Amino acid sequence: MTNTLNSNKGVWAELQAKSYFALQKNLLVFSCESGVGCCDIITLDKRNGLVQKWDVKYGGQRRIKHMKKKSLIHRVESKLQKKLGIKILYVMPCGEIRIPNEKK
């Protein structure tokens, strides 16, 4: 995904994340209708009632002088996001979904 407006990258990332969750069995996916807020997606696991809130970020990368390969631009949850238990989810340019601190 090159030469694309940043807002379009964000929309694309959100759609990728929604499809990632929608393909998982027993998950219901809800999205923010207003388009503005601290949470982009909410998932509900039908088996155990687990509700998770997600802030979707495009996995932008930058090249660091002393490193040959690019490094992920890390985002930090705001105070409100931490208080509400909202997790950050990265969608990389190739479409890969990365959830920091998730056990594989």
N, C-alpha and C. Protein backbone atom coordinates (compact mmCIF):
# COMPACT_ATOMS: atom_id res chain seq x y z
N MET A 1 0.86 -1.16 0.00
CA MET A 1 0.00 0.00 0.00
C MET A 1 0.90 1.22 0.00
N THR A 2 1.13 1.82 -1.17
CA THR A 2 2.00 2.98 -1.28
C THR A 2 1.26 4.14 -1.91
N ASN A 3 1.79 5.34 -1.72
CA ASN A 3 1.20 6.56 -2.28
C ASN A 3 -0.28 6.69 -1.98
N THR A 4 -0.66 6.46 -0.76
CA THR A 4 -2.05 6.52 -0.34
C THR A 4 -2.19 7.53 0.79
N LEU A 5 -3.30 8.27 0.80
CA LEU A 5 -3.54 9.21 1.88
C LEU A 5 -3.60 8.48 3.21
N ASN A 6 -3.11 9.13 4.27
CA ASN A 6 -3.11 8.50 5.59
C ASN A 6 -4.51 8.13 6.05
N SER A 7 -5.52 8.97 5.75
CA SER A 7 -6.88 8.64 6.16
C SER A 7 -7.38 7.39 5.45
N ASN A 8 -6.99 7.23 4.19
CA ASN A 8 -7.39 6.02 3.46
C ASN A 8 -6.70 4.78 4.03
N LYS A 9 -5.47 4.92 4.48
CA LYS A 9 -4.76 3.80 5.08
C LYS A 9 -5.47 3.36 6.36
N GLY A 10 -5.95 4.34 7.13
CA GLY A 10 -6.67 4.03 8.37
C GLY A 10 -7.97 3.30 8.10
N VAL A 11 -8.70 3.74 7.08
CA VAL A 11 -9.97 3.08 6.71
C VAL A 11 -9.68 1.66 6.24
N TRP A 12 -8.66 1.51 5.41
CA TRP A 12 -8.28 0.18 4.91
C TRP A 12 -7.91 -0.74 6.08
N ALA A 13 -7.12 -0.21 7.02
CA ALA A 13 -6.69 -1.01 8.17
C ALA A 13 -7.90 -1.46 8.99
N GLU A 14 -8.86 -0.56 9.19
CA GLU A 14 -10.05 -0.91 9.96
C GLU A 14 -10.85 -2.02 9.27
N LEU A 15 -10.99 -1.92 7.96
CA LEU A 15 -11.72 -2.96 7.21
C LEU A 15 -11.00 -4.30 7.29
N GLN A 16 -9.68 -4.28 7.21
CA GLN A 16 -8.90 -5.51 7.33
C GLN A 16 -9.11 -6.14 8.71
N ALA A 17 -9.09 -5.31 9.75
CA ALA A 17 -9.27 -5.82 11.11
C ALA A 17 -10.67 -6.40 11.29
N LYS A 18 -11.67 -5.73 10.76
CA LYS A 18 -13.05 -6.24 10.86
C LYS A 18 -13.17 -7.60 10.19
N SER A 19 -12.57 -7.74 9.00
CA SER A 19 -12.67 -9.02 8.31
C SER A 19 -11.89 -10.10 9.05
N TYR A 20 -10.77 -9.74 9.66
CA TYR A 20 -9.98 -10.69 10.46
C TYR A 20 -10.83 -11.26 11.59
N PHE A 21 -11.52 -10.38 12.32
CA PHE A 21 -12.36 -10.83 13.44
C PHE A 21 -13.61 -11.56 12.94
N ALA A 22 -14.20 -11.08 11.85
CA ALA A 22 -15.43 -11.69 11.33
C ALA A 22 -15.20 -13.14 10.90
N LEU A 23 -14.00 -13.47 10.48
CA LEU A 23 -13.70 -14.83 10.05
C LEU A 23 -13.45 -15.79 11.21
N GLN A 24 -13.33 -15.24 12.42
CA GLN A 24 -13.11 -16.10 13.58
C GLN A 24 -14.44 -16.60 14.11
N LYS A 25 -14.47 -17.91 14.32
CA LYS A 25 -15.70 -18.55 14.79
C LYS A 25 -16.10 -18.02 16.17
N ASN A 26 -17.38 -17.86 16.39
CA ASN A 26 -17.95 -17.45 17.67
C ASN A 26 -17.67 -16.00 18.07
N LEU A 27 -17.20 -15.17 17.14
CA LEU A 27 -16.97 -13.76 17.47
C LEU A 27 -18.00 -12.88 16.76
N LEU A 28 -18.59 -11.95 17.49
CA LEU A 28 -19.43 -10.92 16.90
C LEU A 28 -18.61 -9.65 16.86
N VAL A 29 -18.71 -8.89 15.76
CA VAL A 29 -17.90 -7.70 15.56
C VAL A 29 -18.81 -6.48 15.46
N PHE A 30 -18.48 -5.46 16.25
CA PHE A 30 -19.23 -4.21 16.25
C PHE A 30 -18.26 -3.07 15.95
N SER A 31 -18.71 -2.09 15.18
CA SER A 31 -17.83 -0.98 14.84
C SER A 31 -18.42 0.35 15.27
N CYS A 32 -17.56 1.35 15.37
CA CYS A 32 -17.96 2.69 15.78
C CYS A 32 -18.69 3.36 14.62
N GLU A 33 -19.91 3.78 14.85
CA GLU A 33 -20.71 4.40 13.78
C GLU A 33 -20.38 5.87 13.57
N SER A 34 -19.93 6.56 14.61
CA SER A 34 -19.66 8.00 14.48
C SER A 34 -18.34 8.27 13.77
N GLY A 35 -17.46 7.28 13.71
CA GLY A 35 -16.18 7.46 13.04
C GLY A 35 -15.13 8.13 13.91
N VAL A 36 -15.52 8.65 15.05
CA VAL A 36 -14.58 9.33 15.94
C VAL A 36 -14.72 8.75 17.33
N GLY A 37 -13.62 8.47 17.95
CA GLY A 37 -13.67 7.93 19.31
C GLY A 37 -12.38 7.24 19.67
N CYS A 38 -12.31 6.72 20.87
CA CYS A 38 -11.09 6.07 21.34
C CYS A 38 -11.08 4.58 21.03
N CYS A 39 -12.16 4.07 20.45
CA CYS A 39 -12.30 2.65 20.16
C CYS A 39 -12.88 2.49 18.75
N ASP A 40 -12.27 1.64 17.93
CA ASP A 40 -12.75 1.44 16.56
C ASP A 40 -13.65 0.21 16.43
N ILE A 41 -13.29 -0.86 17.13
CA ILE A 41 -14.01 -2.13 17.00
C ILE A 41 -14.22 -2.73 18.38
N ILE A 42 -15.38 -3.36 18.56
CA ILE A 42 -15.65 -4.13 19.78
C ILE A 42 -15.97 -5.55 19.34
N THR A 43 -15.36 -6.53 19.99
CA THR A 43 -15.66 -7.93 19.68
C THR A 43 -16.29 -8.59 20.90
N LEU A 44 -17.21 -9.50 20.63
CA LEU A 44 -17.89 -10.26 21.68
C LEU A 44 -17.77 -11.73 21.36
N ASP A 45 -17.18 -12.48 22.27
CA ASP A 45 -17.05 -13.92 22.11
C ASP A 45 -18.34 -14.57 22.62
N LYS A 46 -19.06 -15.23 21.73
CA LYS A 46 -20.36 -15.83 22.08
C LYS A 46 -20.22 -17.00 23.06
N ARG A 47 -19.06 -17.62 23.13
CA ARG A 47 -18.88 -18.78 24.02
C ARG A 47 -18.77 -18.37 25.48
N ASN A 48 -18.02 -17.31 25.74
CA ASN A 48 -17.75 -16.96 27.14
C ASN A 48 -18.13 -15.53 27.51
N GLY A 49 -18.67 -14.77 26.56
CA GLY A 49 -19.11 -13.41 26.84
C GLY A 49 -17.98 -12.39 26.94
N LEU A 50 -16.76 -12.78 26.55
CA LEU A 50 -15.61 -11.88 26.63
C LEU A 50 -15.78 -10.73 25.64
N VAL A 51 -15.76 -9.52 26.16
CA VAL A 51 -15.84 -8.32 25.32
C VAL A 51 -14.46 -7.70 25.26
N GLN A 52 -13.99 -7.42 24.02
CA GLN A 52 -12.70 -6.77 23.84
C GLN A 52 -12.89 -5.52 22.98
N LYS A 53 -12.19 -4.46 23.35
CA LYS A 53 -12.27 -3.20 22.63
C LYS A 53 -10.94 -2.94 21.94
N TRP A 54 -11.00 -2.50 20.67
CA TRP A 54 -9.79 -2.37 19.86
C TRP A 54 -9.68 -0.99 19.24
N ASP A 55 -8.48 -0.45 19.25
CA ASP A 55 -8.14 0.75 18.50
C ASP A 55 -7.24 0.28 17.37
N VAL A 56 -7.69 0.41 16.14
CA VAL A 56 -6.97 -0.11 14.98
C VAL A 56 -6.01 0.95 14.45
N LYS A 57 -4.76 0.55 14.23
CA LYS A 57 -3.74 1.45 13.71
C LYS A 57 -3.11 0.83 12.47
N TYR A 58 -2.87 1.66 11.46
CA TYR A 58 -2.12 1.22 10.30
C TYR A 58 -0.69 1.02 10.75
N GLY A 59 -0.09 -0.08 10.41
CA GLY A 59 1.26 -0.43 10.86
C GLY A 59 2.34 0.31 10.10
N GLY A 60 2.37 1.62 10.29
CA GLY A 60 3.39 2.43 9.63
C GLY A 60 4.78 2.07 10.11
N GLN A 61 5.74 2.20 9.21
CA GLN A 61 7.11 1.84 9.55
C GLN A 61 8.05 2.98 9.16
N ARG A 62 9.15 3.09 9.89
CA ARG A 62 10.16 4.09 9.53
C ARG A 62 11.52 3.42 9.53
N ARG A 63 12.37 3.97 8.69
CA ARG A 63 13.74 3.45 8.60
C ARG A 63 14.60 4.21 9.61
N ILE A 64 15.35 3.47 10.41
CA ILE A 64 16.26 4.07 11.38
C ILE A 64 17.66 4.00 10.77
N LYS A 65 18.40 5.07 10.91
CA LYS A 65 19.70 5.21 10.24
C LYS A 65 20.61 4.01 10.38
N HIS A 66 20.79 3.51 11.61
CA HIS A 66 21.75 2.43 11.83
C HIS A 66 21.19 1.04 11.54
N MET A 67 19.91 0.95 11.19
CA MET A 67 19.30 -0.35 10.89
C MET A 67 18.97 -0.43 9.41
N LYS A 68 19.15 -1.60 8.83
CA LYS A 68 18.86 -1.75 7.41
C LYS A 68 17.37 -1.89 7.14
N LYS A 69 16.66 -2.59 8.03
CA LYS A 69 15.24 -2.77 7.79
C LYS A 69 14.41 -1.76 8.57
N LYS A 70 13.17 -1.63 8.18
CA LYS A 70 12.28 -0.65 8.80
C LYS A 70 11.77 -1.15 10.14
N SER A 71 11.41 -0.21 11.00
CA SER A 71 10.93 -0.52 12.33
C SER A 71 9.49 -0.01 12.47
N LEU A 72 8.65 -0.76 13.17
CA LEU A 72 7.26 -0.38 13.39
C LEU A 72 7.18 0.88 14.25
N ILE A 73 6.31 1.81 13.85
CA ILE A 73 6.07 3.00 14.65
C ILE A 73 5.08 2.59 15.73
N HIS A 74 5.55 2.50 16.97
CA HIS A 74 4.72 2.02 18.07
C HIS A 74 3.81 3.14 18.59
N ARG A 75 2.59 2.80 18.87
CA ARG A 75 1.62 3.72 19.44
C ARG A 75 1.39 3.33 20.90
N VAL A 76 0.99 4.28 21.68
CA VAL A 76 0.73 4.05 23.10
C VAL A 76 -0.72 4.41 23.38
N GLU A 77 -1.37 3.60 24.23
CA GLU A 77 -2.76 3.89 24.58
C GLU A 77 -2.83 5.20 25.36
N SER A 78 -3.90 5.96 25.13
CA SER A 78 -4.12 7.18 25.90
C SER A 78 -4.57 6.78 27.31
N LYS A 79 -4.61 7.74 28.21
CA LYS A 79 -5.07 7.47 29.58
C LYS A 79 -6.48 6.90 29.57
N LEU A 80 -7.35 7.48 28.73
CA LEU A 80 -8.73 7.00 28.64
C LEU A 80 -8.78 5.57 28.12
N GLN A 81 -7.98 5.27 27.09
CA GLN A 81 -7.95 3.92 26.54
C GLN A 81 -7.47 2.92 27.58
N LYS A 82 -6.47 3.27 28.36
CA LYS A 82 -5.99 2.38 29.42
C LYS A 82 -7.09 2.15 30.45
N LYS A 83 -7.77 3.22 30.82
CA LYS A 83 -8.84 3.13 31.82
C LYS A 83 -9.97 2.22 31.34
N LEU A 84 -10.30 2.30 30.04
CA LEU A 84 -11.41 1.53 29.47
C LEU A 84 -10.99 0.15 28.98
N GLY A 85 -9.71 -0.17 29.05
CA GLY A 85 -9.24 -1.50 28.62
C GLY A 85 -9.21 -1.68 27.11
N ILE A 86 -8.94 -0.61 26.39
CA ILE A 86 -8.90 -0.68 24.93
C ILE A 86 -7.49 -1.07 24.49
N LYS A 87 -7.41 -2.07 23.61
CA LYS A 87 -6.13 -2.58 23.13
C LYS A 87 -5.84 -2.01 21.74
N ILE A 88 -4.56 -1.88 21.43
CA ILE A 88 -4.16 -1.43 20.10
C ILE A 88 -3.89 -2.65 19.22
N LEU A 89 -4.35 -2.57 17.99
CA LEU A 89 -4.16 -3.63 17.00
C LEU A 89 -3.53 -2.98 15.77
N TYR A 90 -2.45 -3.55 15.27
CA TYR A 90 -1.79 -3.02 14.08
C TYR A 90 -2.16 -3.85 12.86
N VAL A 91 -2.43 -3.16 11.76
CA VAL A 91 -2.60 -3.82 10.47
C VAL A 91 -1.43 -3.38 9.60
N MET A 92 -0.59 -4.34 9.25
CA MET A 92 0.62 -4.05 8.49
C MET A 92 0.28 -3.82 7.02
N PRO A 93 1.16 -3.14 6.27
CA PRO A 93 0.88 -2.86 4.85
C PRO A 93 0.56 -4.10 4.02
N CYS A 94 1.06 -5.27 4.42
CA CYS A 94 0.79 -6.52 3.69
C CYS A 94 -0.56 -7.14 4.10
N GLY A 95 -1.23 -6.54 5.10
CA GLY A 95 -2.53 -7.06 5.56
C GLY A 95 -2.42 -7.92 6.81
N GLU A 96 -1.20 -8.18 7.26
CA GLU A 96 -1.00 -8.98 8.48
C GLU A 96 -1.52 -8.21 9.70
N ILE A 97 -2.17 -8.95 10.60
CA ILE A 97 -2.69 -8.37 11.83
C ILE A 97 -1.69 -8.65 12.95
N ARG A 98 -1.30 -7.60 13.69
CA ARG A 98 -0.40 -7.77 14.81
C ARG A 98 -1.06 -7.19 16.07
N ILE A 99 -1.12 -8.03 17.09
CA ILE A 99 -1.67 -7.61 18.38
C ILE A 99 -0.52 -7.66 19.38
N PRO A 100 -0.04 -6.50 19.84
CA PRO A 100 1.08 -6.49 20.79
C PRO A 100 0.76 -7.27 22.06
N ASN A 101 1.76 -7.94 22.58
CA ASN A 101 1.65 -8.69 23.85
C ASN A 101 0.66 -9.85 23.79
N GLU A 102 0.30 -10.31 22.61
CA GLU A 102 -0.61 -11.46 22.50
C GLU A 102 0.22 -12.72 22.41
N LYS A 103 -0.14 -13.72 23.20
CA LYS A 103 0.55 -15.00 23.16
C LYS A 103 0.07 -15.77 21.94
N LYS A 104 1.02 -16.34 21.22
CA LYS A 104 0.67 -17.07 19.99
C LYS A 104 0.50 -18.53 20.27
